[in-house]
Amino acid sequence: MQMLPANTTDISHPDLFQLFLKQLKKDFEYSNINIDFVEDLTADYDLILAALAKQMNILIKNTNFKLNELLYRIDISEQQIAKINKAKPNTEFVLLISELIIKRILQKVVIKEMHRKGN
């Protein structure tokens, strides 16, 4: 199984997508954030991005603390947020955060698989 996606938006490989979902659930659960939306996700980057953006909006409106906890758990720094915000100033903040989440979780999954296989 080839684990490395062709690009950061390619999570269409079934094995990679399942590992992505598992890691996404884990990170949300450990941050005590509702994960019901994850069950409806399909291996479509744009749909995942939209679902995460919707969830980020809820977190921002209800409590910024949970969002900060989630970003810490996933390992997304303030510097990364500032960098992408500067690079894409006309993009909604929740979309930027969601993009970072997807990329970082994919990265975590690929790295874990590489270590598991001894690569």
PDB file of N, CA and C in Angstrom:
ATOM      1  N   MET A   1       0.847  -1.187   0.000  1.00  0.00           N
ATOM      2  CA  MET A   1       0.000   0.000   0.000  1.00  0.00           C
ATOM      3  C   MET A   1       0.887   1.242   0.000  1.00  0.00           C
ATOM      4  N   GLN A   2       0.662   2.144  -0.915  1.00  0.00           N
ATOM      5  CA  GLN A   2       1.391   3.401  -0.941  1.00  0.00           C
ATOM      6  C   GLN A   2       0.685   4.375  -0.003  1.00  0.00           C
ATOM      7  N   MET A   3       1.367   4.828   1.030  1.00  0.00           N
ATOM      8  CA  MET A   3       0.745   5.687   2.037  1.00  0.00           C
ATOM      9  C   MET A   3       0.886   7.169   1.728  1.00  0.00           C
ATOM     10  N   LEU A   4       1.886   7.548   0.975  1.00  0.00           N
ATOM     11  CA  LEU A   4       2.100   8.966   0.734  1.00  0.00           C
ATOM     12  C   LEU A   4       1.100   9.495  -0.284  1.00  0.00           C
ATOM     13  N   PRO A   5       0.303  10.494   0.101  1.00  0.00           N
ATOM     14  CA  PRO A   5      -0.633  11.061  -0.863  1.00  0.00           C
ATOM     15  C   PRO A   5       0.118  11.831  -1.937  1.00  0.00           C
ATOM     16  N   ALA A   6      -0.486  11.909  -3.106  1.00  0.00           N
ATOM     17  CA  ALA A   6       0.129  12.638  -4.212  1.00  0.00           C
ATOM     18  C   ALA A   6       0.300  14.109  -3.867  1.00  0.00           C
ATOM     19  N   ASN A   7      -0.625  14.645  -3.108  1.00  0.00           N
ATOM     20  CA  ASN A   7      -0.525  16.018  -2.606  1.00  0.00           C
ATOM     21  C   ASN A   7      -1.302  16.104  -1.302  1.00  0.00           C
ATOM     22  N   THR A   8      -1.299  17.249  -0.688  1.00  0.00           N
ATOM     23  CA  THR A   8      -1.907  17.375   0.636  1.00  0.00           C
ATOM     24  C   THR A   8      -3.427  17.304   0.618  1.00  0.00           C
ATOM     25  N   THR A   9      -4.021  17.289  -0.555  1.00  0.00           N
ATOM     26  CA  THR A   9      -5.477  17.176  -0.611  1.00  0.00           C
ATOM     27  C   THR A   9      -5.914  15.788  -1.065  1.00  0.00           C
ATOM     28  N   ASP A  10      -4.972  14.875  -1.290  1.00  0.00           N
ATOM     29  CA  ASP A  10      -5.297  13.545  -1.786  1.00  0.00           C
ATOM     30  C   ASP A  10      -5.429  12.546  -0.642  1.00  0.00           C
ATOM     31  N   ILE A  11      -6.643  12.383  -0.159  1.00  0.00           N
ATOM     32  CA  ILE A  11      -6.889  11.389   0.881  1.00  0.00           C
ATOM     33  C   ILE A  11      -7.883  10.347   0.370  1.00  0.00           C
ATOM     34  N   SER A  12      -7.886  10.160  -0.933  1.00  0.00           N
ATOM     35  CA  SER A  12      -8.872   9.281  -1.550  1.00  0.00           C
ATOM     36  C   SER A  12      -8.544   7.794  -1.407  1.00  0.00           C
ATOM     37  N   HIS A  13      -7.301   7.448  -1.141  1.00  0.00           N
ATOM     38  CA  HIS A  13      -6.953   6.039  -0.964  1.00  0.00           C
ATOM     39  C   HIS A  13      -7.705   5.512   0.259  1.00  0.00           C
ATOM     40  N   PRO A  14      -8.468   4.419   0.116  1.00  0.00           N
ATOM     41  CA  PRO A  14      -9.310   3.932   1.226  1.00  0.00           C
ATOM     42  C   PRO A  14      -8.561   3.695   2.530  1.00  0.00           C
ATOM     43  N   ASP A  15      -7.376   3.080   2.471  1.00  0.00           N
ATOM     44  CA  ASP A  15      -6.622   2.821   3.696  1.00  0.00           C
ATOM     45  C   ASP A  15      -6.181   4.118   4.357  1.00  0.00           C
ATOM     46  N   LEU A  16      -5.700   5.026   3.551  1.00  0.00           N
ATOM     47  CA  LEU A  16      -5.257   6.317   4.074  1.00  0.00           C
ATOM     48  C   LEU A  16      -6.428   7.083   4.679  1.00  0.00           C
ATOM     49  N   PHE A  17      -7.562   7.054   4.007  1.00  0.00           N
ATOM     50  CA  PHE A  17      -8.741   7.756   4.516  1.00  0.00           C
ATOM     51  C   PHE A  17      -9.194   7.166   5.849  1.00  0.00           C
ATOM     52  N   GLN A  18      -9.197   5.855   5.981  1.00  0.00           N
ATOM     53  CA  GLN A  18      -9.611   5.233   7.242  1.00  0.00           C
ATOM     54  C   GLN A  18      -8.658   5.603   8.381  1.00  0.00           C
ATOM     55  N   LEU A  19      -7.375   5.618   8.102  1.00  0.00           N
ATOM     56  CA  LEU A  19      -6.399   6.027   9.116  1.00  0.00           C
ATOM     57  C   LEU A  19      -6.566   7.499   9.470  1.00  0.00           C
ATOM     58  N   PHE A  20      -6.868   8.309   8.461  1.00  0.00           N
ATOM     59  CA  PHE A  20      -7.125   9.732   8.681  1.00  0.00           C
ATOM     60  C   PHE A  20      -8.324   9.906   9.611  1.00  0.00           C
ATOM     61  N   LEU A  21      -9.420   9.201   9.332  1.00  0.00           N
ATOM     62  CA  LEU A  21     -10.615   9.296  10.179  1.00  0.00           C
ATOM     63  C   LEU A  21     -10.328   8.860  11.608  1.00  0.00           C
ATOM     64  N   LYS A  22      -9.598   7.780  11.745  1.00  0.00           N
ATOM     65  CA  LYS A  22      -9.250   7.266  13.077  1.00  0.00           C
ATOM     66  C   LYS A  22      -8.462   8.308  13.868  1.00  0.00           C
ATOM     67  N   GLN A  23      -7.475   8.920  13.232  1.00  0.00           N
ATOM     68  CA  GLN A  23      -6.663   9.940  13.909  1.00  0.00           C
ATOM     69  C   GLN A  23      -7.483  11.191  14.206  1.00  0.00           C
ATOM     70  N   LEU A  24      -8.339  11.588  13.281  1.00  0.00           N
ATOM     71  CA  LEU A  24      -9.202  12.756  13.485  1.00  0.00           C
ATOM     72  C   LEU A  24     -10.111  12.535  14.690  1.00  0.00           C
ATOM     73  N   LYS A  25     -10.728  11.366  14.758  1.00  0.00           N
ATOM     74  CA  LYS A  25     -11.597  11.029  15.898  1.00  0.00           C
ATOM     75  C   LYS A  25     -10.808  11.070  17.196  1.00  0.00           C
ATOM     76  N   LYS A  26      -9.644  10.470  17.175  1.00  0.00           N
ATOM     77  CA  LYS A  26      -8.800  10.412  18.368  1.00  0.00           C
ATOM     78  C   LYS A  26      -8.456  11.814  18.870  1.00  0.00           C
ATOM     79  N   ASP A  27      -8.032  12.678  17.969  1.00  0.00           N
ATOM     80  CA  ASP A  27      -7.650  14.034  18.373  1.00  0.00           C
ATOM     81  C   ASP A  27      -8.845  14.824  18.898  1.00  0.00           C
ATOM     82  N   PHE A  28      -9.997  14.674  18.269  1.00  0.00           N
ATOM     83  CA  PHE A  28     -11.185  15.372  18.737  1.00  0.00           C
ATOM     84  C   PHE A  28     -11.661  14.815  20.080  1.00  0.00           C
ATOM     85  N   GLU A  29     -11.673  13.501  20.218  1.00  0.00           N
ATOM     86  CA  GLU A  29     -12.102  12.886  21.477  1.00  0.00           C
ATOM     87  C   GLU A  29     -11.201  13.305  22.630  1.00  0.00           C
ATOM     88  N   TYR A  30      -9.885  13.285  22.422  1.00  0.00           N
ATOM     89  CA  TYR A  30      -8.945  13.664  23.472  1.00  0.00           C
ATOM     90  C   TYR A  30      -9.074  15.132  23.853  1.00  0.00           C
ATOM     91  N   SER A  31      -9.636  15.923  22.966  1.00  0.00           N
ATOM     92  CA  SER A  31      -9.858  17.344  23.256  1.00  0.00           C
ATOM     93  C   SER A  31     -11.280  17.596  23.754  1.00  0.00           C
ATOM     94  N   ASN A  32     -12.018  16.522  23.995  1.00  0.00           N
ATOM     95  CA  ASN A  32     -13.403  16.604  24.483  1.00  0.00           C
ATOM     96  C   ASN A  32     -14.299  17.436  23.577  1.00  0.00           C
ATOM     97  N   ILE A  33     -14.194  17.171  22.284  1.00  0.00           N
ATOM     98  CA  ILE A  33     -14.985  17.887  21.289  1.00  0.00           C
ATOM     99  C   ILE A  33     -15.876  16.883  20.575  1.00  0.00           C
ATOM    100  N   ASN A  34     -17.118  17.266  20.340  1.00  0.00           N
ATOM    101  CA  ASN A  34     -18.086  16.427  19.662  1.00  0.00           C
ATOM    102  C   ASN A  34     -17.544  15.969  18.307  1.00  0.00           C
ATOM    103  N   ILE A  35     -17.631  14.671  18.058  1.00  0.00           N
ATOM    104  CA  ILE A  35     -17.100  14.120  16.807  1.00  0.00           C
ATOM    105  C   ILE A  35     -18.184  13.509  15.929  1.00  0.00           C
ATOM    106  N   ASP A  36     -19.431  13.804  16.202  1.00  0.00           N
ATOM    107  CA  ASP A  36     -20.525  13.226  15.425  1.00  0.00           C
ATOM    108  C   ASP A  36     -20.384  13.492  13.932  1.00  0.00           C
ATOM    109  N   PHE A  37     -19.861  14.637  13.571  1.00  0.00           N
ATOM    110  CA  PHE A  37     -19.735  15.000  12.161  1.00  0.00           C
ATOM    111  C   PHE A  37     -18.782  14.079  11.391  1.00  0.00           C
ATOM    112  N   VAL A  38     -17.866  13.439  12.089  1.00  0.00           N
ATOM    113  CA  VAL A  38     -16.858  12.596  11.451  1.00  0.00           C
ATOM    114  C   VAL A  38     -17.495  11.381  10.770  1.00  0.00           C
ATOM    115  N   GLU A  39     -18.569  10.869  11.343  1.00  0.00           N
ATOM    116  CA  GLU A  39     -19.212   9.677  10.798  1.00  0.00           C
ATOM    117  C   GLU A  39     -19.743   9.885   9.383  1.00  0.00           C
ATOM    118  N   ASP A  40     -20.057  11.117   9.030  1.00  0.00           N
ATOM    119  CA  ASP A  40     -20.630  11.409   7.717  1.00  0.00           C
ATOM    120  C   ASP A  40     -19.592  11.771   6.662  1.00  0.00           C
ATOM    121  N   LEU A  41     -18.337  11.795   7.030  1.00  0.00           N
ATOM    122  CA  LEU A  41     -17.297  12.207   6.082  1.00  0.00           C
ATOM    123  C   LEU A  41     -17.029  11.134   5.030  1.00  0.00           C
ATOM    124  N   THR A  42     -16.730  11.606   3.840  1.00  0.00           N
ATOM    125  CA  THR A  42     -16.291  10.730   2.757  1.00  0.00           C
ATOM    126  C   THR A  42     -14.895  11.181   2.353  1.00  0.00           C
ATOM    127  N   ALA A  43     -14.246  10.399   1.540  1.00  0.00           N
ATOM    128  CA  ALA A  43     -12.857  10.688   1.146  1.00  0.00           C
ATOM    129  C   ALA A  43     -12.802  11.780   0.087  1.00  0.00           C
ATOM    130  N   ASP A  44     -13.378  12.910   0.403  1.00  0.00           N
ATOM    131  CA  ASP A  44     -13.408  14.058  -0.503  1.00  0.00           C
ATOM    132  C   ASP A  44     -12.853  15.263   0.265  1.00  0.00           C
ATOM    133  N   TYR A  45     -11.719  15.760  -0.180  1.00  0.00           N
ATOM    134  CA  TYR A  45     -11.043  16.849   0.528  1.00  0.00           C
ATOM    135  C   TYR A  45     -11.954  18.051   0.763  1.00  0.00           C
ATOM    136  N   ASP A  46     -12.664  18.482  -0.258  1.00  0.00           N
ATOM    137  CA  ASP A  46     -13.513  19.669  -0.128  1.00  0.00           C
ATOM    138  C   ASP A  46     -14.630  19.475   0.890  1.00  0.00           C
ATOM    139  N   LEU A  47     -15.211  18.274   0.929  1.00  0.00           N
ATOM    140  CA  LEU A  47     -16.266  17.995   1.907  1.00  0.00           C
ATOM    141  C   LEU A  47     -15.704  17.935   3.326  1.00  0.00           C
ATOM    142  N   ILE A  48     -14.530  17.358   3.468  1.00  0.00           N
ATOM    143  CA  ILE A  48     -13.882  17.308   4.779  1.00  0.00           C
ATOM    144  C   ILE A  48     -13.545  18.722   5.241  1.00  0.00           C
ATOM    145  N   LEU A  49     -13.010  19.521   4.330  1.00  0.00           N
ATOM    146  CA  LEU A  49     -12.671  20.909   4.648  1.00  0.00           C
ATOM    147  C   LEU A  49     -13.909  21.675   5.104  1.00  0.00           C
ATOM    148  N   ALA A  50     -15.007  21.523   4.397  1.00  0.00           N
ATOM    149  CA  ALA A  50     -16.254  22.218   4.755  1.00  0.00           C
ATOM    150  C   ALA A  50     -16.790  21.749   6.109  1.00  0.00           C
ATOM    151  N   ALA A  51     -16.747  20.440   6.358  1.00  0.00           N
ATOM    152  CA  ALA A  51     -17.229  19.903   7.636  1.00  0.00           C
ATOM    153  C   ALA A  51     -16.378  20.401   8.793  1.00  0.00           C
ATOM    154  N   LEU A  52     -15.065  20.413   8.606  1.00  0.00           N
ATOM    155  CA  LEU A  52     -14.176  20.915   9.657  1.00  0.00           C
ATOM    156  C   LEU A  52     -14.377  22.409   9.879  1.00  0.00           C
ATOM    157  N   ALA A  53     -14.551  23.166   8.807  1.00  0.00           N
ATOM    158  CA  ALA A  53     -14.773  24.609   8.939  1.00  0.00           C
ATOM    159  C   ALA A  53     -16.044  24.883   9.733  1.00  0.00           C
ATOM    160  N   LYS A  54     -17.070  24.109   9.477  1.00  0.00           N
ATOM    161  CA  LYS A  54     -18.322  24.260  10.230  1.00  0.00           C
ATOM    162  C   LYS A  54     -18.090  23.977  11.719  1.00  0.00           C
ATOM    163  N   GLN A  55     -17.342  22.918  11.998  1.00  0.00           N
ATOM    164  CA  GLN A  55     -17.034  22.581  13.386  1.00  0.00           C
ATOM    165  C   GLN A  55     -16.157  23.653  14.035  1.00  0.00           C
ATOM    166  N   MET A  56     -15.212  24.217  13.290  1.00  0.00           N
ATOM    167  CA  MET A  56     -14.358  25.281  13.825  1.00  0.00           C
ATOM    168  C   MET A  56     -15.190  26.524  14.155  1.00  0.00           C
ATOM    169  N   ASN A  57     -16.169  26.837  13.321  1.00  0.00           N
ATOM    170  CA  ASN A  57     -17.067  27.960  13.606  1.00  0.00           C
ATOM    171  C   ASN A  57     -17.788  27.749  14.928  1.00  0.00           C
ATOM    172  N   ILE A  58     -18.266  26.536  15.154  1.00  0.00           N
ATOM    173  CA  ILE A  58     -18.966  26.212  16.402  1.00  0.00           C
ATOM    174  C   ILE A  58     -18.024  26.386  17.591  1.00  0.00           C
ATOM    175  N   LEU A  59     -16.803  25.889  17.457  1.00  0.00           N
ATOM    176  CA  LEU A  59     -15.839  26.003  18.548  1.00  0.00           C
ATOM    177  C   LEU A  59     -15.495  27.456  18.856  1.00  0.00           C
ATOM    178  N   ILE A  60     -15.322  28.239  17.813  1.00  0.00           N
ATOM    179  CA  ILE A  60     -14.974  29.653  18.011  1.00  0.00           C
ATOM    180  C   ILE A  60     -16.118  30.394  18.684  1.00  0.00           C
ATOM    181  N   LYS A  61     -17.343  30.115  18.281  1.00  0.00           N
ATOM    182  CA  LYS A  61     -18.508  30.795  18.862  1.00  0.00           C
ATOM    183  C   LYS A  61     -18.749  30.378  20.299  1.00  0.00           C
ATOM    184  N   ASN A  62     -18.543  29.091  20.585  1.00  0.00           N
ATOM    185  CA  ASN A  62     -18.864  28.580  21.924  1.00  0.00           C
ATOM    186  C   ASN A  62     -17.732  28.757  22.918  1.00  0.00           C
ATOM    187  N   THR A  63     -16.548  28.380  22.522  1.00  0.00           N
ATOM    188  CA  THR A  63     -15.411  28.507  23.431  1.00  0.00           C
ATOM    189  C   THR A  63     -14.104  28.402  22.662  1.00  0.00           C
ATOM    190  N   ASN A  64     -13.335  29.435  22.736  1.00  0.00           N
ATOM    191  CA  ASN A  64     -12.028  29.445  22.080  1.00  0.00           C
ATOM    192  C   ASN A  64     -11.068  28.467  22.757  1.00  0.00           C
ATOM    193  N   PHE A  65     -11.316  28.188  24.044  1.00  0.00           N
ATOM    194  CA  PHE A  65     -10.449  27.290  24.793  1.00  0.00           C
ATOM    195  C   PHE A  65     -10.390  25.909  24.146  1.00  0.00           C
ATOM    196  N   LYS A  66     -11.535  25.382  23.734  1.00  0.00           N
ATOM    197  CA  LYS A  66     -11.577  24.053  23.105  1.00  0.00           C
ATOM    198  C   LYS A  66     -10.812  24.045  21.782  1.00  0.00           C
ATOM    199  N   LEU A  67     -10.935  25.125  21.025  1.00  0.00           N
ATOM    200  CA  LEU A  67     -10.192  25.217  19.769  1.00  0.00           C
ATOM    201  C   LEU A  67      -8.691  25.220  20.047  1.00  0.00           C
ATOM    202  N   ASN A  68      -8.268  25.992  21.019  1.00  0.00           N
ATOM    203  CA  ASN A  68      -6.848  26.034  21.381  1.00  0.00           C
ATOM    204  C   ASN A  68      -6.358  24.662  21.839  1.00  0.00           C
ATOM    205  N   GLU A  69      -7.179  23.976  22.616  1.00  0.00           N
ATOM    206  CA  GLU A  69      -6.834  22.639  23.093  1.00  0.00           C
ATOM    207  C   GLU A  69      -6.685  21.669  21.916  1.00  0.00           C
ATOM    208  N   LEU A  70      -7.607  21.751  20.969  1.00  0.00           N
ATOM    209  CA  LEU A  70      -7.550  20.888  19.789  1.00  0.00           C
ATOM    210  C   LEU A  70      -6.302  21.167  18.962  1.00  0.00           C
ATOM    211  N   LEU A  71      -6.023  22.429  18.711  1.00  0.00           N
ATOM    212  CA  LEU A  71      -4.849  22.782  17.911  1.00  0.00           C
ATOM    213  C   LEU A  71      -3.561  22.326  18.600  1.00  0.00           C
ATOM    214  N   TYR A  72      -3.519  22.443  19.916  1.00  0.00           N
ATOM    215  CA  TYR A  72      -2.364  21.967  20.669  1.00  0.00           C
ATOM    216  C   TYR A  72      -2.240  20.450  20.527  1.00  0.00           C
ATOM    217  N   ARG A  73      -3.355  19.766  20.656  1.00  0.00           N
ATOM    218  CA  ARG A  73      -3.376  18.299  20.565  1.00  0.00           C
ATOM    219  C   ARG A  73      -2.901  17.824  19.189  1.00  0.00           C
ATOM    220  N   ILE A  74      -3.352  18.501  18.146  1.00  0.00           N
ATOM    221  CA  ILE A  74      -2.986  18.123  16.782  1.00  0.00           C
ATOM    222  C   ILE A  74      -1.566  18.570  16.457  1.00  0.00           C
ATOM    223  N   ASP A  75      -1.060  19.531  17.202  1.00  0.00           N
ATOM    224  CA  ASP A  75       0.290  20.073  17.024  1.00  0.00           C
ATOM    225  C   ASP A  75       0.339  21.102  15.895  1.00  0.00           C
ATOM    226  N   ILE A  76      -0.528  22.088  16.011  1.00  0.00           N
ATOM    227  CA  ILE A  76      -0.536  23.223  15.092  1.00  0.00           C
ATOM    228  C   ILE A  76      -0.191  24.459  15.910  1.00  0.00           C
ATOM    229  N   SER A  77       0.878  25.110  15.514  1.00  0.00           N
ATOM    230  CA  SER A  77       1.374  26.249  16.288  1.00  0.00           C
ATOM    231  C   SER A  77       0.763  27.570  15.830  1.00  0.00           C
ATOM    232  N   GLU A  78       0.894  28.571  16.667  1.00  0.00           N
ATOM    233  CA  GLU A  78       0.445  29.922  16.319  1.00  0.00           C
ATOM    234  C   GLU A  78       1.234  30.447  15.121  1.00  0.00           C
ATOM    235  N   GLN A  79       2.489  30.064  15.038  1.00  0.00           N
ATOM    236  CA  GLN A  79       3.325  30.492  13.916  1.00  0.00           C
ATOM    237  C   GLN A  79       2.801  29.922  12.596  1.00  0.00           C
ATOM    238  N   GLN A  80       2.376  28.664  12.613  1.00  0.00           N
ATOM    239  CA  GLN A  80       1.815  28.053  11.408  1.00  0.00           C
ATOM    240  C   GLN A  80       0.530  28.770  10.991  1.00  0.00           C
ATOM    241  N   ILE A  81      -0.282  29.111  11.969  1.00  0.00           N
ATOM    242  CA  ILE A  81      -1.530  29.819  11.685  1.00  0.00           C
ATOM    243  C   ILE A  81      -1.230  31.195  11.103  1.00  0.00           C
ATOM    244  N   ALA A  82      -0.285  31.899  11.707  1.00  0.00           N
ATOM    245  CA  ALA A  82       0.083  33.229  11.214  1.00  0.00           C
ATOM    246  C   ALA A  82       0.652  33.146   9.796  1.00  0.00           C
ATOM    247  N   LYS A  83       1.466  32.120   9.545  1.00  0.00           N
ATOM    248  CA  LYS A  83       2.083  31.964   8.230  1.00  0.00           C
ATOM    249  C   LYS A  83       1.033  31.716   7.146  1.00  0.00           C
ATOM    250  N   ILE A  84       0.100  30.833   7.400  1.00  0.00           N
ATOM    251  CA  ILE A  84      -0.914  30.538   6.384  1.00  0.00           C
ATOM    252  C   ILE A  84      -1.895  31.703   6.242  1.00  0.00           C
ATOM    253  N   ASN A  85      -2.148  32.399   7.337  1.00  0.00           N
ATOM    254  CA  ASN A  85      -3.031  33.572   7.299  1.00  0.00           C
ATOM    255  C   ASN A  85      -2.399  34.676   6.447  1.00  0.00           C
ATOM    256  N   LYS A  86      -1.085  34.824   6.552  1.00  0.00           N
ATOM    257  CA  LYS A  86      -0.376  35.824   5.756  1.00  0.00           C
ATOM    258  C   LYS A  86      -0.329  35.414   4.282  1.00  0.00           C
ATOM    259  N   ALA A  87      -0.140  34.116   4.038  1.00  0.00           N
ATOM    260  CA  ALA A  87      -0.051  33.614   2.663  1.00  0.00           C
ATOM    261  C   ALA A  87      -1.396  33.651   1.936  1.00  0.00           C
ATOM    262  N   LYS A  88      -2.478  33.520   2.709  1.00  0.00           N
ATOM    263  CA  LYS A  88      -3.824  33.499   2.127  1.00  0.00           C
ATOM    264  C   LYS A  88      -4.727  34.486   2.871  1.00  0.00           C
ATOM    265  N   PRO A  89      -4.445  35.785   2.752  1.00  0.00           N
ATOM    266  CA  PRO A  89      -5.170  36.785   3.549  1.00  0.00           C
ATOM    267  C   PRO A  89      -6.665  36.897   3.206  1.00  0.00           C
ATOM    268  N   ASN A  90      -7.069  36.459   2.046  1.00  0.00           N
ATOM    269  CA  ASN A  90      -8.476  36.585   1.648  1.00  0.00           C
ATOM    270  C   ASN A  90      -9.292  35.329   1.932  1.00  0.00           C
ATOM    271  N   THR A  91      -8.692  34.356   2.615  1.00  0.00           N
ATOM    272  CA  THR A  91      -9.379  33.103   2.934  1.00  0.00           C
ATOM    273  C   THR A  91      -9.930  33.184   4.353  1.00  0.00           C
ATOM    274  N   GLU A  92     -11.134  32.658   4.534  1.00  0.00           N
ATOM    275  CA  GLU A  92     -11.759  32.644   5.857  1.00  0.00           C
ATOM    276  C   GLU A  92     -10.853  31.933   6.858  1.00  0.00           C
ATOM    277  N   PHE A  93     -10.809  32.475   8.063  1.00  0.00           N
ATOM    278  CA  PHE A  93      -9.955  31.927   9.113  1.00  0.00           C
ATOM    279  C   PHE A  93     -10.285  30.464   9.399  1.00  0.00           C
ATOM    280  N   VAL A  94     -11.575  30.116   9.460  1.00  0.00           N
ATOM    281  CA  VAL A  94     -11.944  28.732   9.778  1.00  0.00           C
ATOM    282  C   VAL A  94     -11.503  27.769   8.671  1.00  0.00           C
ATOM    283  N   LEU A  95     -11.469  28.238   7.442  1.00  0.00           N
ATOM    284  CA  LEU A  95     -10.975  27.394   6.350  1.00  0.00           C
ATOM    285  C   LEU A  95      -9.467  27.180   6.455  1.00  0.00           C
ATOM    286  N   LEU A  96      -8.764  28.222   6.869  1.00  0.00           N
ATOM    287  CA  LEU A  96      -7.316  28.104   7.057  1.00  0.00           C
ATOM    288  C   LEU A  96      -6.993  27.096   8.157  1.00  0.00           C
ATOM    289  N   ILE A  97      -7.700  27.211   9.268  1.00  0.00           N
ATOM    290  CA  ILE A  97      -7.498  26.296  10.393  1.00  0.00           C
ATOM    291  C   ILE A  97      -7.829  24.866   9.964  1.00  0.00           C
ATOM    292  N   SER A  98      -8.920  24.722   9.250  1.00  0.00           N
ATOM    293  CA  SER A  98      -9.345  23.394   8.791  1.00  0.00           C
ATOM    294  C   SER A  98      -8.321  22.783   7.842  1.00  0.00           C
ATOM    295  N   GLU A  99      -7.771  23.592   6.972  1.00  0.00           N
ATOM    296  CA  GLU A  99      -6.733  23.123   6.051  1.00  0.00           C
ATOM    297  C   GLU A  99      -5.506  22.639   6.825  1.00  0.00           C
ATOM    298  N   LEU A 100      -5.096  23.412   7.822  1.00  0.00           N
ATOM    299  CA  LEU A 100      -3.958  23.010   8.648  1.00  0.00           C
ATOM    300  C   LEU A 100      -4.236  21.699   9.382  1.00  0.00           C
ATOM    301  N   ILE A 101      -5.448  21.544   9.881  1.00  0.00           N
ATOM    302  CA  ILE A 101      -5.819  20.318  10.593  1.00  0.00           C
ATOM    303  C   ILE A 101      -5.720  19.115   9.662  1.00  0.00           C
ATOM    304  N   ILE A 102      -6.284  19.229   8.479  1.00  0.00           N
ATOM    305  CA  ILE A 102      -6.243  18.119   7.520  1.00  0.00           C
ATOM    306  C   ILE A 102      -4.796  17.758   7.187  1.00  0.00           C
ATOM    307  N   LYS A 103      -4.005  18.762   6.866  1.00  0.00           N
ATOM    308  CA  LYS A 103      -2.612  18.511   6.492  1.00  0.00           C
ATOM    309  C   LYS A 103      -1.827  17.866   7.627  1.00  0.00           C
ATOM    310  N   ARG A 104      -2.017  18.366   8.840  1.00  0.00           N
ATOM    311  CA  ARG A 104      -1.256  17.834   9.978  1.00  0.00           C
ATOM    312  C   ARG A 104      -1.688  16.415  10.316  1.00  0.00           C
ATOM    313  N   ILE A 105      -2.978  16.134  10.255  1.00  0.00           N
ATOM    314  CA  ILE A 105      -3.432  14.781  10.555  1.00  0.00           C
ATOM    315  C   ILE A 105      -2.947  13.809   9.482  1.00  0.00           C
ATOM    316  N   LEU A 106      -2.985  14.216   8.230  1.00  0.00           N
ATOM    317  CA  LEU A 106      -2.433  13.369   7.166  1.00  0.00           C
ATOM    318  C   LEU A 106      -0.950  13.106   7.406  1.00  0.00           C
ATOM    319  N   GLN A 107      -0.254  14.143   7.799  1.00  0.00           N
ATOM    320  CA  GLN A 107       1.171  14.007   8.081  1.00  0.00           C
ATOM    321  C   GLN A 107       1.404  13.007   9.215  1.00  0.00           C
ATOM    322  N   LYS A 108       0.626  13.113  10.275  1.00  0.00           N
ATOM    323  CA  LYS A 108       0.758  12.195  11.406  1.00  0.00           C
ATOM    324  C   LYS A 108       0.501  10.754  10.976  1.00  0.00           C
ATOM    325  N   VAL A 109      -0.522  10.556  10.166  1.00  0.00           N
ATOM    326  CA  VAL A 109      -0.877   9.216   9.704  1.00  0.00           C
ATOM    327  C   VAL A 109       0.233   8.623   8.857  1.00  0.00           C
ATOM    328  N   VAL A 110       0.747   9.393   7.921  1.00  0.00           N
ATOM    329  CA  VAL A 110       1.808   8.901   7.033  1.00  0.00           C
ATOM    330  C   VAL A 110       3.062   8.582   7.837  1.00  0.00           C
ATOM    331  N   ILE A 111       3.436   9.439   8.758  1.00  0.00           N
ATOM    332  CA  ILE A 111       4.630   9.200   9.577  1.00  0.00           C
ATOM    333  C   ILE A 111       4.461   7.942  10.424  1.00  0.00           C
ATOM    334  N   LYS A 112       3.290   7.771  11.038  1.00  0.00           N
ATOM    335  CA  LYS A 112       3.046   6.567  11.846  1.00  0.00           C
ATOM    336  C   LYS A 112       3.145   5.309  10.996  1.00  0.00           C
ATOM    337  N   GLU A 113       2.586   5.348   9.796  1.00  0.00           N
ATOM    338  CA  GLU A 113       2.640   4.187   8.908  1.00  0.00           C
ATOM    339  C   GLU A 113       4.064   3.883   8.464  1.00  0.00           C
ATOM    340  N   MET A 114       4.829   4.909   8.199  1.00  0.00           N
ATOM    341  CA  MET A 114       6.220   4.707   7.802  1.00  0.00           C
ATOM    342  C   MET A 114       7.006   4.063   8.928  1.00  0.00           C
ATOM    343  N   HIS A 115       6.775   4.516  10.157  1.00  0.00           N
ATOM    344  CA  HIS A 115       7.474   3.926  11.305  1.00  0.00           C
ATOM    345  C   HIS A 115       7.002   2.507  11.571  1.00  0.00           C
ATOM    346  N   ARG A 116       5.711   2.278  11.389  1.00  0.00           N
ATOM    347  CA  ARG A 116       5.146   0.956  11.621  1.00  0.00           C
ATOM    348  C   ARG A 116       5.753  -0.062  10.645  1.00  0.00           C
ATOM    349  N   LYS A 117       5.974   0.378   9.427  1.00  0.00           N
ATOM    350  CA  LYS A 117       6.533  -0.504   8.407  1.00  0.00           C
ATOM    351  C   LYS A 117       8.053  -0.547   8.431  1.00  0.00           C
ATOM    352  N   GLY A 118       8.660   0.304   9.260  1.00  0.00           N
ATOM    353  CA  GLY A 118      10.112   0.306   9.381  1.00  0.00           C
ATOM    354  C   GLY A 118      10.813   1.045   8.267  1.00  0.00           C
ATOM    355  N   ASN A 119      10.113   1.963   7.608  1.00  0.00           N
ATOM    356  CA  ASN A 119      10.733   2.738   6.502  1.00  0.00           C
ATOM    357  C   ASN A 119      11.534   3.878   7.032  1.00  0.00           C
TER     358      ASN A 119
END
